[in-house]
Amino acid sequence: MAGTVRTLRLGGVSARVEPPSRARGRGYAPGVASPRPGTRAHVREIARRLEEAHGPRPFRRRHDPVSELVTTLLSHSTTDANQVRAFRSLRERFPTWEAVREAPVEEVEAAVRVAGLASQKAPRIQEALRRVAGHPRGPGLEWLGEVPPEEAMAFLTSLPGVGPKTAACVMCFCFDAHVVPADTHVHRIALRTRVVPPGASAERAQARLSSWVPEGAAYGTHMRMIHHGRTVCRARGPRCGACVLLDLCPTGKRLGGGAAPAG
C-alpha cells in the first residue's frame, strides 16, 4: 500500500523501509547542522547528496540470476577486470551451465584461473549450480523475484560460498530488490562517514544501509556509492576536499579535507 512503512528481513537482519513519499524533503540546507553520523537522517542525507552529485542510476539488469550468481562468486578477492575475464572464459569453454556442472573440476578451475583462488571457486560454483538445478521451483532462479526477499536471501546464502553480499548482488542487480550490497567501495564509505562504527563488517554496513535508504533507492544508491568510491573516496589518495559528503564525514573533517586513511 502506498505510504506504508514496511519491514523486510534480509540476510537475518530486519530492515524498516519507508516509501519515497515519506523520505522526500528531508535534505539539509546550507547553514543547517548536519545530521549525527550513524543515524537514519545521516544515511538519507548521504544518499540524497550522492544522487544530486552523480545523477540518476536507473535499474538495468546485466545478467540473468544464475549468471549473476556465478560472476559474483568469481568476483571474490579479485579485480573487476579479472572477474570479467574469468566469466567470459568460463562461458566460452562451456556453452551451458549443465556443462559446467558436469565437467571435471580441473577444467572449470582452468577456465576461471585468471580470477584467482580457482581451486576454491570452481567446486563452489559447480556445487551451487547443482543445487540450483535441483530446486523444485526450477533451475533458472527467476523465481527468486516472486517470493519474499527474506526467503530468496535465505536460499541464496544456503549455497556454498554465498554470503550476504553475494546474495544481495543477485537480488539487487537482477530484481531491483531493496538491499544495498556492501562491496569494498560501499563498505569504505560507510566506515569513513561513520554510517557504521570503526571496524564494523561489510555485512553490518549492508544491513544498515538497506534499512535506512528510502524504498526504491537501493540500486541507485549502491551504484552511486561505487562511483563515488572509485572517483572521490578512493582507497588511496582520496579527494576529501572535493567530496560532497565532507561535512557528513568525521574522517574527512578530522583531516581538514585532506587525505583519509584506508578505513
Protein backbone atom coordinates (compact mmCIF):
# COMPACT_ATOMS: atom_id res chain seq x y z
CA MET A 1 0.00 0.00 0.00
CA ALA A 2 1.30 3.45 -0.91
CA GLY A 3 2.72 5.40 2.02
CA THR A 4 3.08 2.31 4.20
CA VAL A 5 6.23 1.61 6.19
CA ARG A 6 7.30 -1.98 5.53
CA THR A 7 9.63 -4.23 7.49
CA LEU A 8 11.78 -6.60 5.45
CA ARG A 9 14.14 -9.24 6.74
CA LEU A 10 17.25 -9.57 4.59
CA GLY A 11 20.01 -11.96 5.45
CA GLY A 12 18.78 -12.27 9.02
CA VAL A 13 18.58 -8.51 9.59
CA SER A 14 15.30 -6.64 9.93
CA ALA A 15 15.01 -3.61 7.66
CA ARG A 16 12.32 -0.97 8.25
CA VAL A 17 11.75 0.59 4.85
CA GLU A 18 9.95 3.87 4.31
CA PRO A 19 8.33 4.75 0.97
CA PRO A 20 9.83 7.62 -1.05
CA SER A 21 6.94 9.95 -0.18
CA ARG A 22 7.96 9.93 3.47
CA ALA A 23 11.66 10.37 2.70
CA ARG A 24 11.42 13.46 0.49
CA GLY A 25 12.07 16.92 1.80
CA ARG A 26 14.50 15.82 4.49
CA GLY A 27 17.58 17.40 2.97
CA TYR A 28 19.81 19.72 4.94
CA ALA A 29 20.18 23.25 3.59
CA PRO A 30 23.44 25.20 3.81
CA GLY A 31 23.92 26.60 7.29
CA VAL A 32 21.84 23.88 8.91
CA ALA A 33 23.63 21.46 11.20
CA SER A 34 24.49 18.16 9.56
CA PRO A 35 22.75 15.06 10.93
CA ARG A 36 24.57 13.00 13.51
CA PRO A 37 26.64 10.18 11.95
CA GLY A 38 25.22 6.70 12.23
CA THR A 39 21.59 7.80 12.16
CA ARG A 40 18.78 7.31 9.65
CA ALA A 41 18.87 11.02 8.78
CA HIS A 42 22.62 10.79 8.15
CA VAL A 43 22.24 7.87 5.73
CA ARG A 44 19.40 9.57 3.88
CA GLU A 45 21.40 12.78 3.51
CA ILE A 46 24.34 10.81 2.11
CA ALA A 47 22.02 9.14 -0.39
CA ARG A 48 20.44 12.49 -1.34
CA ARG A 49 23.76 14.24 -1.92
CA LEU A 50 25.20 11.39 -3.94
CA GLU A 51 22.12 11.43 -6.16
CA GLU A 52 22.50 15.17 -6.62
CA ALA A 53 26.22 14.85 -7.38
CA HIS A 54 26.23 11.76 -9.57
CA GLY A 55 22.80 11.85 -11.14
CA PRO A 56 20.22 9.14 -11.77
CA ARG A 57 21.17 5.49 -11.90
CA PRO A 58 18.07 3.72 -13.27
CA PHE A 59 17.85 -0.02 -12.70
CA ARG A 60 19.33 -2.09 -15.50
CA ARG A 61 19.68 -5.85 -15.32
CA ARG A 62 23.05 -7.01 -16.66
CA HIS A 63 22.71 -10.79 -16.26
CA ASP A 64 20.13 -13.47 -15.64
CA PRO A 65 20.14 -14.61 -11.97
CA VAL A 66 22.29 -17.73 -12.46
CA SER A 67 24.90 -15.78 -14.40
CA GLU A 68 24.84 -13.05 -11.74
CA LEU A 69 25.40 -15.66 -9.05
CA VAL A 70 28.36 -17.18 -10.87
CA THR A 71 30.03 -13.90 -11.80
CA THR A 72 29.67 -12.63 -8.22
CA LEU A 73 31.27 -15.81 -6.89
CA LEU A 74 34.14 -15.16 -9.29
CA SER A 75 34.47 -11.58 -8.02
CA HIS A 76 35.70 -12.60 -4.57
CA SER A 77 39.24 -11.36 -3.89
CA THR A 78 39.98 -10.25 -7.43
CA THR A 79 39.75 -7.20 -9.68
CA ASP A 80 36.75 -6.28 -11.79
CA ALA A 81 38.78 -6.88 -14.94
CA ASN A 82 39.82 -10.39 -13.90
CA GLN A 83 36.27 -11.21 -12.83
CA VAL A 84 35.01 -10.30 -16.30
CA ARG A 85 37.80 -12.26 -17.98
CA ALA A 86 37.13 -15.35 -15.87
CA PHE A 87 33.39 -15.26 -16.53
CA ARG A 88 33.96 -14.84 -20.27
CA SER A 89 36.47 -17.71 -20.27
CA LEU A 90 34.02 -19.97 -18.41
CA ARG A 91 31.18 -19.21 -20.84
CA GLU A 92 33.41 -19.70 -23.88
CA ARG A 93 34.67 -23.08 -22.69
CA PHE A 94 31.29 -24.39 -21.51
CA PRO A 95 28.21 -23.49 -23.60
CA THR A 96 25.66 -24.30 -20.85
CA TRP A 97 25.51 -24.30 -17.07
CA GLU A 98 24.82 -28.03 -17.25
CA ALA A 99 28.18 -28.44 -18.97
CA VAL A 100 29.84 -26.52 -16.14
CA ARG A 101 28.13 -28.72 -13.54
CA GLU A 102 29.18 -31.96 -15.21
CA ALA A 103 32.73 -31.01 -16.21
CA PRO A 104 35.78 -32.28 -14.32
CA VAL A 105 36.55 -29.72 -11.65
CA GLU A 106 40.06 -29.31 -13.05
CA GLU A 107 38.62 -28.00 -16.33
CA VAL A 108 36.48 -25.47 -14.51
CA GLU A 109 39.49 -24.39 -12.47
CA ALA A 110 41.47 -23.82 -15.66
CA ALA A 111 38.66 -21.73 -17.13
CA VAL A 112 38.43 -19.38 -14.13
CA ARG A 113 42.08 -19.35 -13.07
CA VAL A 114 42.55 -15.71 -14.01
CA ALA A 115 40.19 -14.71 -11.18
CA GLY A 116 42.42 -16.34 -8.57
CA LEU A 117 41.53 -18.91 -5.90
CA ALA A 118 40.40 -21.23 -8.69
CA SER A 119 40.69 -24.34 -6.52
CA GLN A 120 38.09 -22.83 -4.17
CA LYS A 121 35.86 -21.07 -6.67
CA ALA A 122 35.47 -23.89 -9.19
CA PRO A 123 34.00 -26.52 -6.82
CA ARG A 124 31.80 -23.89 -5.14
CA ILE A 125 30.39 -22.81 -8.49
CA GLN A 126 29.73 -26.40 -9.51
CA GLU A 127 28.00 -27.27 -6.24
CA ALA A 128 25.93 -24.08 -6.32
CA LEU A 129 24.83 -24.89 -9.88
CA ARG A 130 23.88 -28.43 -8.85
CA ARG A 131 21.71 -27.16 -6.00
CA VAL A 132 20.11 -24.54 -8.23
CA ALA A 133 19.37 -27.14 -10.91
CA GLY A 134 17.77 -29.45 -8.35
CA HIS A 135 15.43 -26.87 -6.86
CA PRO A 136 11.75 -27.74 -7.29
CA ARG A 137 10.92 -24.23 -8.49
CA GLY A 138 13.20 -24.63 -11.48
CA PRO A 139 16.83 -24.09 -12.39
CA GLY A 140 16.65 -20.53 -13.73
CA LEU A 141 16.35 -18.68 -10.38
CA GLU A 142 13.80 -16.26 -11.82
CA TRP A 143 11.53 -17.49 -9.03
CA LEU A 144 13.66 -15.51 -6.56
CA GLY A 145 11.84 -12.39 -7.71
CA GLU A 146 8.45 -13.95 -6.93
CA VAL A 147 9.00 -14.86 -3.28
CA PRO A 148 9.50 -12.69 -0.18
CA PRO A 149 13.02 -11.18 -0.11
CA GLU A 150 13.89 -12.96 3.12
CA GLU A 151 13.08 -16.34 1.52
CA ALA A 152 15.19 -15.53 -1.52
CA MET A 153 18.12 -14.38 0.62
CA ALA A 154 17.87 -17.47 2.81
CA PHE A 155 18.06 -19.77 -0.20
CA LEU A 156 21.00 -17.93 -1.74
CA THR A 157 23.02 -17.83 1.48
CA SER A 158 22.50 -21.57 1.86
CA LEU A 159 24.63 -22.14 -1.25
CA PRO A 160 28.38 -22.81 -0.88
CA GLY A 161 30.47 -19.66 -0.89
CA VAL A 162 27.44 -17.35 -0.94
CA GLY A 163 27.34 -14.82 1.88
CA PRO A 164 25.04 -11.83 2.40
CA LYS A 165 26.93 -9.62 -0.08
CA THR A 166 26.81 -12.15 -2.92
CA ALA A 167 23.13 -12.83 -2.24
CA ALA A 168 22.44 -9.09 -2.15
CA CYS A 169 24.14 -8.64 -5.52
CA VAL A 170 21.88 -11.24 -7.12
CA MET A 171 18.74 -9.71 -5.61
CA CYS A 172 19.67 -6.08 -6.24
CA PHE A 173 21.10 -6.46 -9.74
CA CYS A 174 18.52 -8.94 -11.05
CA PHE A 175 15.32 -7.91 -9.29
CA ASP A 176 15.90 -4.35 -8.04
CA ALA A 177 15.31 -5.69 -4.53
CA HIS A 178 15.63 -3.33 -1.60
CA VAL A 179 19.11 -4.27 -0.46
CA VAL A 180 22.36 -2.29 -0.83
CA PRO A 181 25.27 -4.68 -1.49
CA ALA A 182 28.30 -3.60 0.51
CA ASP A 183 31.24 -4.13 -1.79
CA THR A 184 34.65 -2.71 -0.94
CA HIS A 185 33.73 0.84 -2.06
CA VAL A 186 30.40 0.93 -0.23
CA HIS A 187 31.99 -0.51 2.91
CA ARG A 188 34.82 2.04 2.80
CA ILE A 189 32.42 4.98 2.51
CA ALA A 190 30.22 3.59 5.29
CA LEU A 191 33.25 3.33 7.59
CA ARG A 192 34.72 6.73 6.78
CA THR A 193 31.40 8.57 7.15
CA ARG A 194 30.63 6.52 10.28
CA VAL A 195 27.40 5.11 8.93
CA VAL A 196 28.74 2.19 10.93
CA PRO A 197 31.31 2.27 13.75
CA PRO A 198 35.04 1.84 13.04
CA GLY A 199 35.88 -1.78 12.36
CA ALA A 200 32.29 -2.76 11.55
CA SER A 201 31.90 -5.52 8.99
CA ALA A 202 30.64 -5.12 5.44
CA GLU A 203 27.63 -7.20 6.44
CA ARG A 204 26.72 -4.67 9.13
CA ALA A 205 27.13 -1.79 6.68
CA GLN A 206 24.91 -3.58 4.19
CA ALA A 207 22.21 -4.16 6.80
CA ARG A 208 22.21 -0.55 7.99
CA LEU A 209 22.17 0.96 4.51
CA SER A 210 19.42 -1.42 3.41
CA SER A 211 17.37 -0.48 6.46
CA TRP A 212 17.69 3.29 6.11
CA VAL A 213 17.91 4.06 2.39
CA PRO A 214 14.43 5.05 1.10
CA GLU A 215 12.44 2.35 -0.64
CA GLY A 216 13.17 2.25 -4.34
CA ALA A 217 16.60 3.86 -3.91
CA ALA A 218 18.75 0.82 -3.06
CA TYR A 219 20.09 0.07 -6.55
CA GLY A 220 20.77 3.72 -7.38
CA THR A 221 22.45 4.37 -4.02
CA HIS A 222 24.66 1.33 -4.44
CA MET A 223 25.75 2.35 -7.94
CA ARG A 224 26.42 5.94 -6.89
CA MET A 225 28.44 4.83 -3.87
CA ILE A 226 30.58 2.65 -6.12
CA HIS A 227 31.17 5.56 -8.48
CA HIS A 228 31.96 7.87 -5.56
CA GLY A 229 34.35 5.31 -4.10
CA ARG A 230 36.20 4.93 -7.37
CA THR A 231 36.46 8.62 -8.21
CA VAL A 232 36.45 10.55 -4.91
CA CYS A 233 36.54 8.40 -1.76
CA ARG A 234 39.32 6.25 -3.12
CA ALA A 235 41.20 3.71 -1.03
CA ARG A 236 44.46 5.55 -1.73
CA GLY A 237 44.63 9.26 -2.35
CA PRO A 238 41.00 10.13 -1.59
CA ARG A 239 39.87 13.57 -2.72
CA CYS A 240 38.29 14.67 0.56
CA GLY A 241 38.48 18.37 -0.26
CA ALA A 242 36.28 17.82 -3.32
CA CYS A 243 33.81 15.50 -1.59
CA VAL A 244 30.13 16.46 -1.35
CA LEU A 245 29.95 14.39 1.85
CA LEU A 246 32.77 16.19 3.68
CA ASP A 247 30.62 17.80 6.40
CA LEU A 248 28.93 14.41 6.91
CA CYS A 249 32.23 12.57 7.23
CA PRO A 250 34.07 12.56 10.58
CA THR A 251 37.14 11.09 8.89
CA GLY A 252 37.38 13.81 6.26
CA LYS A 253 36.66 16.61 8.75
CA ARG A 254 39.27 15.33 11.17
CA LEU A 255 41.85 15.61 8.43
CA GLY A 256 40.68 19.04 7.37
CA GLY A 257 39.62 17.88 3.96
CA GLY A 258 42.93 16.22 3.23
CA ALA A 259 43.65 12.59 2.55
CA ALA A 260 41.77 9.94 4.53
CA PRO A 261 43.10 6.64 5.79
CA ALA A 262 42.03 3.45 4.06
CA GLY A 263 39.43 2.61 6.73
